[in-house]
N, C-alpha and C. Protein backbone atom coordinates (compact mmCIF):
# COMPACT_ATOMS: atom_id res chain seq x y z
N MET A 1 102.05 105.99 99.93
CA MET A 1 101.55 105.21 99.46
C MET A 1 101.71 105.28 98.51
N LYS A 2 101.52 106.33 97.70
CA LYS A 2 101.55 106.94 96.12
C LYS A 2 102.93 106.03 95.58
N LYS A 3 104.05 106.01 96.40
CA LYS A 3 105.22 105.44 96.02
C LYS A 3 105.57 104.01 96.28
N PHE A 4 104.89 103.46 97.12
CA PHE A 4 104.53 101.90 96.85
C PHE A 4 104.39 101.75 95.53
N PHE A 5 102.97 102.41 95.73
CA PHE A 5 102.74 101.99 94.21
C PHE A 5 102.95 101.93 93.28
N TRP A 6 103.46 102.93 92.43
CA TRP A 6 103.82 103.26 91.58
C TRP A 6 105.59 102.00 91.66
N LEU A 7 105.99 101.65 93.04
CA LEU A 7 107.05 101.28 92.72
C LEU A 7 106.74 99.82 92.60
N VAL A 8 105.34 98.62 92.87
CA VAL A 8 104.25 97.37 92.52
C VAL A 8 104.61 97.86 90.96
N ALA A 9 103.87 98.52 90.93
CA ALA A 9 103.78 98.68 89.32
C ALA A 9 104.62 98.91 88.37
N GLY A 10 105.69 99.81 88.42
CA GLY A 10 106.99 99.80 88.18
C GLY A 10 107.81 97.67 88.12
N ILE A 11 107.47 97.05 88.72
CA ILE A 11 108.34 95.81 88.75
C ILE A 11 106.99 95.51 88.28
N ALA A 12 105.86 95.06 88.55
CA ALA A 12 104.83 94.12 87.65
C ALA A 12 105.03 94.64 85.55
N ALA A 13 105.21 95.63 85.44
CA ALA A 13 105.76 96.20 84.72
C ALA A 13 106.79 95.43 84.11
N GLY A 14 107.85 95.46 84.62
CA GLY A 14 109.29 94.94 84.26
C GLY A 14 109.17 93.21 84.20
N ALA A 15 108.42 93.28 85.47
CA ALA A 15 108.05 91.53 84.71
C ALA A 15 107.51 91.17 83.28
N VAL A 16 106.32 91.96 82.77
CA VAL A 16 105.84 91.30 81.90
C VAL A 16 106.59 91.62 80.75
N VAL A 17 107.03 92.91 80.54
CA VAL A 17 108.36 93.20 79.70
C VAL A 17 108.97 91.66 79.20
N ALA A 18 109.72 91.61 80.62
CA ALA A 18 110.66 89.99 81.10
C ALA A 18 110.08 88.64 79.96
N LYS A 19 108.91 88.55 80.72
CA LYS A 19 108.16 87.78 79.66
C LYS A 19 107.75 87.61 78.09
N GLN A 20 107.65 88.76 77.94
CA GLN A 20 107.10 88.96 76.62
C GLN A 20 108.39 88.44 75.59
N VAL A 21 110.33 88.93 76.17
CA VAL A 21 111.24 88.89 76.35
C VAL A 21 111.61 87.04 75.69
N ARG A 22 111.12 87.22 77.12
CA ARG A 22 111.81 85.80 76.73
C ARG A 22 111.06 84.68 75.86
N GLU A 23 109.58 84.99 75.47
CA GLU A 23 108.72 84.03 75.05
C GLU A 23 108.42 84.47 73.23
N ASN A 24 108.86 85.98 73.16
CA ASN A 24 108.93 85.88 71.61
C ASN A 24 109.60 86.85 70.89
N PRO A 25 110.14 86.22 69.85
CA PRO A 25 111.62 86.57 69.18
C PRO A 25 111.35 87.34 68.77
N LYS A 26 110.31 88.60 68.46
CA LYS A 26 110.11 89.56 67.81
C LYS A 26 109.95 90.65 68.94
N ALA A 27 110.07 90.43 70.51
CA ALA A 27 110.19 91.22 71.55
C ALA A 27 111.85 91.33 71.61
N LYS A 28 112.45 89.83 71.66
CA LYS A 28 114.32 90.01 71.79
C LYS A 28 114.92 91.11 70.77
N ALA A 29 114.23 90.64 69.65
CA ALA A 29 114.90 91.85 68.17
C ALA A 29 114.29 92.68 68.69
N LEU A 30 113.97 93.25 68.97
CA LEU A 30 113.40 94.72 68.67
C LEU A 30 114.13 95.07 70.13
N LEU A 31 114.05 94.34 71.38
CA LEU A 31 115.38 94.60 72.73
C LEU A 31 117.01 94.95 71.84
N ASP A 32 117.03 93.69 71.69
CA ASP A 32 118.49 93.82 71.24
C ASP A 32 118.68 95.91 70.17
N ASP A 33 117.76 95.45 69.52
CA ASP A 33 118.31 96.69 68.60
C ASP A 33 118.22 98.23 69.20
N ALA A 34 117.40 98.49 70.33
CA ALA A 34 117.46 99.16 71.25
C ALA A 34 118.90 99.56 72.37
N ILE A 35 118.68 98.25 72.43
CA ILE A 35 120.18 98.71 73.01
C ILE A 35 121.60 98.67 72.39
N SER A 36 121.20 98.43 71.10
CA SER A 36 122.61 99.11 70.30
C SER A 36 122.49 99.69 70.37
N LEU A 37 121.72 100.27 69.79
CA LEU A 37 120.69 101.97 69.52
C LEU A 37 121.64 103.01 70.82
N ALA A 38 121.15 101.92 72.13
CA ALA A 38 121.29 103.26 73.52
C ALA A 38 123.19 103.27 73.22
N LYS A 39 123.85 102.03 73.53
CA LYS A 39 125.06 101.74 73.03
C LYS A 39 125.91 102.43 71.99
N GLU A 40 125.07 102.41 70.94
CA GLU A 40 125.98 103.64 69.49
C GLU A 40 125.64 105.06 69.62
N PHE A 41 124.30 105.28 70.96
CA PHE A 41 124.18 107.15 70.86
C PHE A 41 125.27 107.11 72.50
N GLY A 42 125.24 106.22 73.05
CA GLY A 42 125.93 106.50 74.20
C GLY A 42 127.93 106.63 73.58
N ASN A 43 128.12 105.39 72.32
CA ASN A 43 129.39 106.29 72.39
C ASN A 43 129.82 107.03 71.40
N GLU A 44 128.52 108.28 70.89
CA GLU A 44 128.40 108.40 69.74
C GLU A 44 129.00 110.08 70.47
N ALA A 45 128.01 110.22 71.86
CA ALA A 45 127.53 111.08 73.18
C ALA A 45 129.48 111.23 73.71
N LYS A 46 130.12 110.14 74.36
CA LYS A 46 131.70 110.52 74.39
C LYS A 46 132.07 111.14 73.59
N GLN A 47 132.31 109.79 72.05
CA GLN A 47 133.42 110.62 71.63
C GLN A 47 132.73 111.95 71.32
N GLY A 48 132.37 112.63 71.09
CA GLY A 48 131.41 114.02 71.13
C GLY A 48 132.08 114.97 72.43
N PHE A 49 131.78 114.66 73.32
CA PHE A 49 132.23 115.11 75.16
C PHE A 49 133.80 115.34 74.69
N GLU A 50 134.57 114.04 74.52
CA GLU A 50 135.89 114.24 74.61
C GLU A 50 136.50 114.61 73.33
N GLU A 51 136.24 114.81 72.23
CA GLU A 51 136.36 115.59 71.10
C GLU A 51 136.14 117.64 71.86
N ARG A 52 134.93 117.88 72.70
CA ARG A 52 135.28 119.40 73.00
C ARG A 52 135.86 119.45 73.96
N VAL A 53 136.58 118.82 75.08
CA VAL A 53 137.26 118.61 75.75
C VAL A 53 138.50 118.75 75.02
N ALA A 54 138.81 118.47 74.49
CA ALA A 54 140.44 118.55 73.38
C ALA A 54 140.19 120.48 72.71
N GLU A 55 138.97 120.46 72.62
CA GLU A 55 138.99 121.65 71.63
C GLU A 55 139.00 122.70 72.91
N LEU A 56 138.58 122.59 74.26
CA LEU A 56 138.51 123.87 75.37
C LEU A 56 140.01 123.71 75.69
N ALA A 57 141.14 122.34 75.94
CA ALA A 57 141.80 122.62 76.47
C ALA A 57 143.25 122.90 75.32
N ALA A 58 142.79 122.82 73.98
CA ALA A 58 143.80 123.79 73.31
C ALA A 58 143.51 124.95 73.52
N GLU A 59 141.85 125.81 73.02
CA GLU A 59 141.72 127.36 73.29
C GLU A 59 142.72 127.74 74.49
N GLU A 60 142.50 126.87 75.79
CA GLU A 60 142.89 127.29 76.85
C GLU A 60 144.89 127.27 76.50
N GLN A 61 145.31 126.97 75.95
CA GLN A 61 146.57 126.81 75.46
C GLN A 61 146.53 127.65 74.95
N ALA A 62 146.22 127.81 73.86
CA ALA A 62 146.05 129.10 72.74
C ALA A 62 146.23 131.00 74.12
N ALA A 63 145.19 130.58 74.75
CA ALA A 63 145.23 131.49 75.82
C ALA A 63 146.16 132.36 76.27
N LYS A 64 146.25 131.02 76.58
CA LYS A 64 147.60 131.35 77.77
C LYS A 64 149.60 132.11 77.30
N PRO A 65 149.44 133.59 78.28
CA PRO A 65 150.98 134.05 77.56
C PRO A 65 151.90 133.21 77.75
N ALA A 66 152.65 133.50 76.66
CA ALA A 66 154.03 132.56 76.69
C ALA A 66 154.65 132.99 77.60
N SER A 67 155.53 131.98 78.15
CA SER A 67 156.54 132.59 79.71
C SER A 67 158.46 132.87 79.09
N ASP A 68 158.08 133.42 78.92
CA ASP A 68 159.93 134.18 79.39
C ASP A 68 160.22 133.67 79.36
N PRO A 69 161.53 133.00 79.67
CA PRO A 69 162.65 132.04 80.30
C PRO A 69 163.52 132.87 80.87
N ALA A 70 163.75 133.57 80.28
CA ALA A 70 165.06 134.76 80.67
C ALA A 70 164.25 135.26 82.20
N SER A 71 162.85 135.48 81.29
CA SER A 71 162.50 135.79 83.01
C SER A 71 162.09 134.75 84.50
N ASP A 72 161.75 133.65 84.25
CA ASP A 72 161.47 132.54 84.84
C ASP A 72 162.99 132.53 85.70
N SER A 73 163.95 132.15 85.00
CA SER A 73 165.43 132.33 85.39
C SER A 73 166.24 133.58 86.57
N ALA A 74 165.74 134.93 85.58
CA ALA A 74 165.54 135.93 86.99
C ALA A 74 164.80 135.92 88.52
N SER A 75 163.69 135.63 88.13
CA SER A 75 163.14 134.92 89.84
C SER A 75 163.36 134.19 90.51
N LYS A 76 164.81 132.91 90.29
CA LYS A 76 164.83 132.22 90.91
C LYS A 76 166.08 132.72 91.71
């Protein structure tokens, strides 16, 4: 029953916020700013993640011992 209450409360809060955004230009501007900031944060996090993955890949390549072409052909 407690979960149902919170579900209904969340739906009601969402409806109130949606009504405010429709009727109030300041609320719409605030929402647009929040959305743009969230997108900017997401893009920065994605860029940082990709940079770190590239760093780890470079470190992994540097840590691998170089293979000897002569020993590779001898084992075939």
